[in-house]
Amino acid sequence: MGALLIEYEPRLVEEAVFRAVRGREEEAVFQTERDRLYEIADPDARETGFRALHAAWFDRLGLGLEIARALQEQPFVVARIARCLVVFASSRGDEGADLFVLPENGDAEPLQGAVVIRLEPATFTLPGRLRSLLRHELLHIHDMLDSRFGYAPRLPMAEAGPVRERLLRDRYRVLWDAFIDGRLVRLGWAPSGIRDERLKDFALAFPMLGERTEEAFGRFF
C-alpha cells in the first residue's frame, strides 16, 4: 500500500491558516496574495484561487505535519484504511476521530475503512495538544480495527431504557479511555497528570467500588 492520502476540508484549512499566520512575519505576504484574488471577476475561479492559496499556505506553515506523524506512528491503522479525512469541528468538545466502513467497489480488494478526524482550527496552533489528541484518538481507531479488542458499534440493548443506556455508554467510555491512556503512559506519549485525571473519571463513573477503586482502575490503566 502506498502513502495514505490525507484530505482536508477547505473551511478547516482556511481557518487554520488564518489563525496560524496571525502575528507572524509572513502575515503581510499572505494578505497581499489573498487580496489579489479579489480582482478575479469569475466567482468560481476566485473561490478556486482562494482554496489553492490556503492549501499552499497550510503546507508552507507545516500545519499538517502533526497529523502525518501521528498516522505514521500507527502503521496498523494506516494499513487498514483507505482514506483519512480531516474536517472542521466547531468546539473542543466536538473534536475526535471516527471510523467508517466503506462499501466494496467490485475490485479484487474491497475498500477498507475511512477515518474522519474532527479538529478545531485553533488546535493547529497548539502542536503539543494536537499531538496528544491525535495519539489518543488514533488508539481508539486501532482498537476498533483490532479483532482481538472485540469492538462493537452498538452496546447491548439496556432493559431499563435510555437513561441506563447513557450510563452504560459513559462507563464504557471511561474504561476505554483508561485502557488507552495507560498504554500511552507506557509508550512515553501521555501528558503529565493523565493518570490522576483518568482515576478521577473512573471514581465518578463507579462510585460503588469505594475502597476498591484504585485497584480496579489499575487493571484497566
Protein backbone atom coordinates (compact mmCIF):
# COMPACT_ATOMS: atom_id res chain seq x y z
CA MET A 1 0.00 0.00 0.00
CA GLY A 2 1.32 3.44 -0.89
CA ALA A 3 1.31 6.52 1.31
CA LEU A 4 -2.09 7.32 2.72
CA LEU A 5 -3.63 10.46 1.24
CA ILE A 6 -4.85 12.86 3.94
CA GLU A 7 -7.74 15.04 2.76
CA TYR A 8 -8.65 18.30 4.48
CA GLU A 9 -11.95 20.17 4.49
CA PRO A 10 -11.32 23.56 2.78
CA ARG A 11 -13.10 25.53 5.53
CA LEU A 12 -10.81 23.97 8.16
CA VAL A 13 -7.71 24.73 6.08
CA GLU A 14 -8.75 28.36 5.62
CA GLU A 15 -9.47 28.96 9.30
CA ALA A 16 -6.31 27.14 10.43
CA VAL A 17 -4.15 29.27 8.13
CA PHE A 18 -5.77 32.49 9.33
CA ARG A 19 -5.04 31.59 12.95
CA ALA A 20 -1.54 30.26 12.34
CA VAL A 21 -0.30 33.16 10.20
CA ARG A 22 -1.63 35.86 12.52
CA GLY A 23 1.22 37.86 14.04
CA ARG A 24 3.93 36.13 12.01
CA GLU A 25 6.35 37.84 9.64
CA GLU A 26 4.67 36.13 6.69
CA GLU A 27 1.24 37.57 7.51
CA ALA A 28 1.69 40.61 5.25
CA VAL A 29 2.76 38.40 2.34
CA PHE A 30 -0.25 36.13 2.85
CA GLN A 31 -2.67 39.06 2.96
CA THR A 32 -1.17 40.57 -0.19
CA GLU A 33 -1.53 37.29 -2.08
CA ARG A 34 -5.07 36.87 -0.81
CA ASP A 35 -6.13 40.43 -1.67
CA ARG A 36 -5.03 39.91 -5.28
CA LEU A 37 -7.58 37.13 -5.66
CA TYR A 38 -10.45 39.58 -5.18
CA GLU A 39 -9.53 41.00 -8.60
CA ILE A 40 -10.74 37.77 -10.25
CA ALA A 41 -14.18 38.52 -11.68
CA ASP A 42 -15.47 34.97 -12.08
CA PRO A 43 -16.72 33.78 -8.65
CA ASP A 44 -15.94 30.10 -9.29
CA ALA A 45 -12.42 30.89 -10.41
CA ARG A 46 -11.97 33.22 -7.44
CA GLU A 47 -13.11 30.52 -5.00
CA THR A 48 -10.74 28.02 -6.63
CA GLY A 49 -7.94 30.54 -6.21
CA PHE A 50 -8.71 31.01 -2.51
CA ARG A 51 -8.71 27.26 -1.91
CA ALA A 52 -5.40 26.83 -3.71
CA LEU A 53 -3.85 29.72 -1.78
CA HIS A 54 -5.00 28.42 1.59
CA ALA A 55 -3.82 24.88 0.78
CA ALA A 56 -0.40 26.22 -0.24
CA TRP A 57 -0.04 28.22 2.97
CA PHE A 58 -1.29 25.27 5.04
CA ASP A 59 1.67 23.30 3.66
CA ARG A 60 4.06 26.25 3.94
CA LEU A 61 3.24 26.68 7.64
CA GLY A 62 3.60 22.94 8.27
CA LEU A 63 0.12 22.65 9.74
CA GLY A 64 -0.38 19.07 8.58
CA LEU A 65 2.87 17.69 9.98
CA GLU A 66 1.47 16.53 13.33
CA ILE A 67 -1.33 14.61 11.62
CA ALA A 68 1.09 12.92 9.23
CA ARG A 69 3.40 11.98 12.11
CA ALA A 70 0.56 10.63 14.25
CA LEU A 71 -0.57 8.39 11.41
CA GLN A 72 2.99 7.19 10.81
CA GLU A 73 3.04 6.07 14.45
CA GLN A 74 0.05 3.82 13.72
CA PRO A 75 1.03 1.54 10.80
CA PHE A 76 -1.61 -0.99 11.93
CA VAL A 77 -4.31 1.65 11.33
CA VAL A 78 -2.87 3.01 8.09
CA ALA A 79 -2.68 -0.48 6.59
CA ARG A 80 -6.40 -0.97 7.20
CA ILE A 81 -7.93 2.27 5.99
CA ALA A 82 -8.48 3.65 2.52
CA ARG A 83 -8.97 7.33 3.36
CA CYS A 84 -8.28 9.86 6.09
CA LEU A 85 -10.47 12.97 6.16
CA VAL A 86 -9.74 15.91 8.46
CA VAL A 87 -12.79 18.10 8.96
CA PHE A 88 -13.96 21.18 10.84
CA ALA A 89 -15.01 20.90 14.50
CA SER A 90 -16.97 23.79 15.95
CA SER A 91 -15.68 23.28 19.51
CA ARG A 92 -13.17 21.30 21.54
CA GLY A 93 -15.95 19.05 22.73
CA ASP A 94 -16.63 18.03 19.14
CA GLU A 95 -13.02 17.08 18.42
CA GLY A 96 -12.20 13.41 17.94
CA ALA A 97 -11.89 10.63 15.39
CA ASP A 98 -14.39 8.17 13.93
CA LEU A 99 -14.09 5.04 11.82
CA PHE A 100 -16.45 4.47 8.89
CA VAL A 101 -16.61 1.27 6.85
CA LEU A 102 -16.67 1.89 3.10
CA PRO A 103 -18.62 -0.37 0.73
CA GLU A 104 -16.90 -2.79 -1.57
CA ASN A 105 -16.16 -1.37 -5.02
CA GLY A 106 -16.18 -4.59 -7.02
CA ASP A 107 -12.40 -4.78 -7.31
CA ALA A 108 -10.30 -7.72 -6.23
CA GLU A 109 -9.71 -5.98 -2.90
CA PRO A 110 -12.65 -4.24 -1.21
CA LEU A 111 -12.28 -0.71 0.05
CA GLN A 112 -11.47 -0.60 3.73
CA GLY A 113 -12.33 1.89 6.44
CA ALA A 114 -12.20 5.67 6.35
CA VAL A 115 -11.01 7.65 9.36
CA VAL A 116 -12.56 11.06 9.92
CA ILE A 117 -10.67 13.37 12.28
CA ARG A 118 -12.55 16.41 13.60
CA LEU A 119 -10.44 19.38 14.73
CA GLU A 120 -10.95 22.96 15.75
CA PRO A 121 -8.87 25.37 13.61
CA ALA A 122 -7.20 26.78 16.73
CA THR A 123 -5.84 23.34 17.64
CA PHE A 124 -3.39 23.57 14.73
CA THR A 125 -1.64 26.40 16.59
CA LEU A 126 -1.13 24.15 19.65
CA PRO A 127 1.09 21.31 18.38
CA GLY A 128 1.54 19.70 21.79
CA ARG A 129 -2.20 19.48 22.41
CA LEU A 130 -2.80 18.34 18.83
CA ARG A 131 -0.22 15.57 19.19
CA SER A 132 -1.77 14.29 22.44
CA LEU A 133 -5.27 14.41 20.99
CA LEU A 134 -4.29 12.52 17.84
CA ARG A 135 -2.38 9.83 19.71
CA HIS A 136 -5.34 9.19 21.99
CA GLU A 137 -7.93 9.19 19.21
CA LEU A 138 -5.92 7.00 16.84
CA LEU A 139 -5.58 4.37 19.56
CA HIS A 140 -9.38 4.34 19.66
CA ILE A 141 -9.31 3.63 15.91
CA HIS A 142 -6.62 0.99 16.42
CA ASP A 143 -8.84 -0.83 18.90
CA MET A 144 -11.86 -0.64 16.60
CA LEU A 145 -9.84 -2.30 13.84
CA ASP A 146 -8.20 -4.94 16.05
CA SER A 147 -10.36 -8.09 16.15
CA ARG A 148 -8.79 -9.07 19.49
CA PHE A 149 -10.32 -5.99 21.11
CA GLY A 150 -13.82 -7.11 20.20
CA TYR A 151 -15.22 -3.70 19.38
CA ALA A 152 -18.93 -3.49 18.55
CA PRO A 153 -20.51 -0.27 17.24
CA ARG A 154 -23.55 -0.64 19.48
CA LEU A 155 -23.97 -1.55 23.12
CA PRO A 156 -26.34 -4.37 24.10
CA MET A 157 -29.88 -3.09 24.49
CA ALA A 158 -30.50 -1.91 28.04
CA GLU A 159 -33.80 -3.10 29.51
CA ALA A 160 -34.01 -0.09 31.84
CA GLY A 161 -34.35 2.40 28.97
CA PRO A 162 -32.36 5.35 27.59
CA VAL A 163 -31.12 6.64 30.96
CA ARG A 164 -29.50 3.29 31.66
CA GLU A 165 -28.07 3.22 28.14
CA ARG A 166 -26.41 6.60 28.65
CA LEU A 167 -24.95 5.39 31.94
CA LEU A 168 -23.53 2.28 30.29
CA ARG A 169 -22.15 4.35 27.41
CA ASP A 170 -20.42 6.75 29.80
CA ARG A 171 -18.91 3.86 31.77
CA TYR A 172 -17.61 2.17 28.64
CA ARG A 173 -16.06 5.49 27.60
CA VAL A 174 -14.30 5.85 30.96
CA LEU A 175 -12.94 2.29 30.83
CA TRP A 176 -11.77 2.66 27.24
CA ASP A 177 -10.08 6.00 27.90
CA ALA A 178 -8.25 4.47 30.87
CA PHE A 179 -7.15 1.50 28.75
CA ILE A 180 -5.83 3.85 26.04
CA ASP A 181 -4.09 6.36 28.27
CA GLY A 182 -2.40 3.60 30.26
CA ARG A 183 -0.79 2.43 27.02
CA LEU A 184 0.18 5.99 26.15
CA VAL A 185 1.91 6.33 29.52
CA ARG A 186 3.91 3.17 28.88
CA LEU A 187 4.88 4.49 25.44
CA GLY A 188 6.00 7.78 26.97
CA TRP A 189 3.38 9.67 24.94
CA ALA A 190 0.92 10.74 27.64
CA PRO A 191 0.72 14.27 29.07
CA SER A 192 1.68 14.68 32.71
CA GLY A 193 -1.10 14.14 35.20
CA ILE A 194 -3.17 11.96 32.89
CA ARG A 195 -3.36 9.06 35.36
CA ASP A 196 -4.89 11.26 38.05
CA GLU A 197 -7.42 12.62 35.54
CA ARG A 198 -8.49 9.16 34.44
CA LEU A 199 -8.67 7.91 38.04
CA LYS A 200 -10.97 10.82 38.90
CA ASP A 201 -13.22 9.96 35.92
CA PHE A 202 -13.21 6.29 36.97
CA ALA A 203 -14.17 7.08 40.57
CA LEU A 204 -17.08 9.23 39.40
CA ALA A 205 -18.29 6.55 36.98
CA PHE A 206 -18.05 3.69 39.51
CA PRO A 207 -18.81 5.17 42.95
CA MET A 208 -19.98 1.79 44.19
CA LEU A 209 -16.37 0.49 44.25
CA GLY A 210 -15.37 2.61 47.21
CA GLU A 211 -12.02 1.47 48.64
CA ARG A 212 -11.54 -0.91 45.72
CA THR A 213 -11.49 1.95 43.17
CA GLU A 214 -7.72 2.27 42.88
CA GLU A 215 -7.20 -1.49 42.44
CA ALA A 216 -9.98 -1.82 39.86
CA PHE A 217 -8.76 1.24 37.96
CA GLY A 218 -5.23 -0.13 37.82
CA ARG A 219 -6.40 -3.25 35.96
CA PHE A 220 -7.60 -1.08 33.09
CA PHE A 221 -4.93 1.63 33.17
